[in-house]
């Protein structure tokens, strides 16, 4: 499950979890959170499909965190 710090970061940058271009630093951090959650060691890549899959998983984790903590989606 997401840590509170990861949740806050993803919530602050939730626009970039959509299908929009993000800076390499942001994508790198998304991959870091993804790898921490899944235990994988997925390398940061410019592959659009790969990035989209990582973002999709992070959105799911964001939703699960909010559900678990009773946070109303704004």
Protein backbone atom coordinates (compact mmCIF):
# COMPACT_ATOMS: atom_id res chain seq x y z
CA UNK A 1 0.00 0.00 0.00
CA UNK A 2 1.08 3.56 -0.61
CA UNK A 3 2.84 5.49 2.10
CA UNK A 4 1.32 8.80 3.13
CA UNK A 5 4.23 10.64 1.50
CA UNK A 6 3.71 8.79 -1.78
CA UNK A 7 -0.02 9.43 -1.60
CA UNK A 8 0.53 13.16 -1.07
CA UNK A 9 3.01 13.30 -3.94
CA UNK A 10 0.69 11.45 -6.33
CA UNK A 11 -2.30 13.54 -5.30
CA UNK A 12 -0.33 16.75 -5.86
CA UNK A 13 0.77 15.50 -9.30
CA UNK A 14 -2.44 13.65 -10.21
CA UNK A 15 -2.78 15.61 -13.46
CA UNK A 16 0.35 13.84 -14.68
CA UNK A 17 -1.20 10.44 -13.98
CA UNK A 18 -3.49 11.16 -16.93
CA UNK A 19 -2.39 10.73 -20.52
CA UNK A 20 -0.24 13.88 -20.53
CA UNK A 21 3.47 14.34 -21.03
CA UNK A 22 5.49 14.68 -17.84
CA UNK A 23 9.09 15.64 -17.14
CA UNK A 24 11.64 12.84 -16.93
CA UNK A 25 12.20 13.50 -13.18
CA UNK A 26 8.50 13.00 -12.48
CA UNK A 27 8.34 9.82 -14.56
CA UNK A 28 11.42 8.53 -12.72
CA UNK A 29 9.69 9.08 -9.37
CA UNK A 30 6.51 7.38 -10.65
CA UNK A 31 8.61 4.34 -11.59
CA UNK A 32 10.30 4.43 -8.19
CA UNK A 33 6.94 4.36 -6.38
CA UNK A 34 5.68 1.64 -8.74
CA UNK A 35 8.74 -0.54 -8.10
CA UNK A 36 8.42 -0.06 -4.35
CA UNK A 37 4.75 -1.09 -4.44
CA UNK A 38 5.16 -4.11 -6.71
CA UNK A 39 8.61 -5.32 -5.74
CA UNK A 40 9.57 -5.19 -9.40
CA UNK A 41 12.63 -3.45 -10.77
CA UNK A 42 11.07 -1.93 -13.88
CA UNK A 43 13.57 0.42 -15.51
CA UNK A 44 12.54 3.96 -16.38
CA UNK A 45 11.77 4.11 -20.06
CA UNK A 46 10.44 6.44 -22.70
CA UNK A 47 8.09 3.71 -23.96
CA UNK A 48 4.67 5.34 -23.96
CA UNK A 49 2.77 2.12 -23.24
CA UNK A 50 5.09 1.26 -20.33
CA UNK A 51 4.71 4.70 -18.76
CA UNK A 52 0.93 4.54 -19.23
CA UNK A 53 0.81 1.14 -17.48
CA UNK A 54 2.81 2.49 -14.54
CA UNK A 55 0.51 5.52 -14.29
CA UNK A 56 -2.54 3.25 -14.47
CA UNK A 57 -1.29 1.14 -11.57
CA UNK A 58 -0.50 4.26 -9.52
CA UNK A 59 -4.02 5.60 -10.10
CA UNK A 60 -5.43 2.29 -8.84
CA UNK A 61 -3.21 2.47 -5.75
CA UNK A 62 -4.28 6.08 -5.17
CA UNK A 63 -7.93 5.02 -5.32
CA UNK A 64 -7.33 2.07 -2.95
CA UNK A 65 -5.53 4.36 -0.48
CA UNK A 66 -8.46 6.79 -0.49
CA UNK A 67 -10.96 3.97 -0.08
CA UNK A 68 -9.01 2.48 2.83
CA UNK A 69 -8.63 5.83 4.60
CA UNK A 70 -12.15 7.06 3.84
CA UNK A 71 -10.91 10.04 1.87
CA UNK A 72 -13.52 11.68 -0.32
CA UNK A 73 -12.34 12.01 -3.90
CA UNK A 74 -12.20 15.68 -4.84
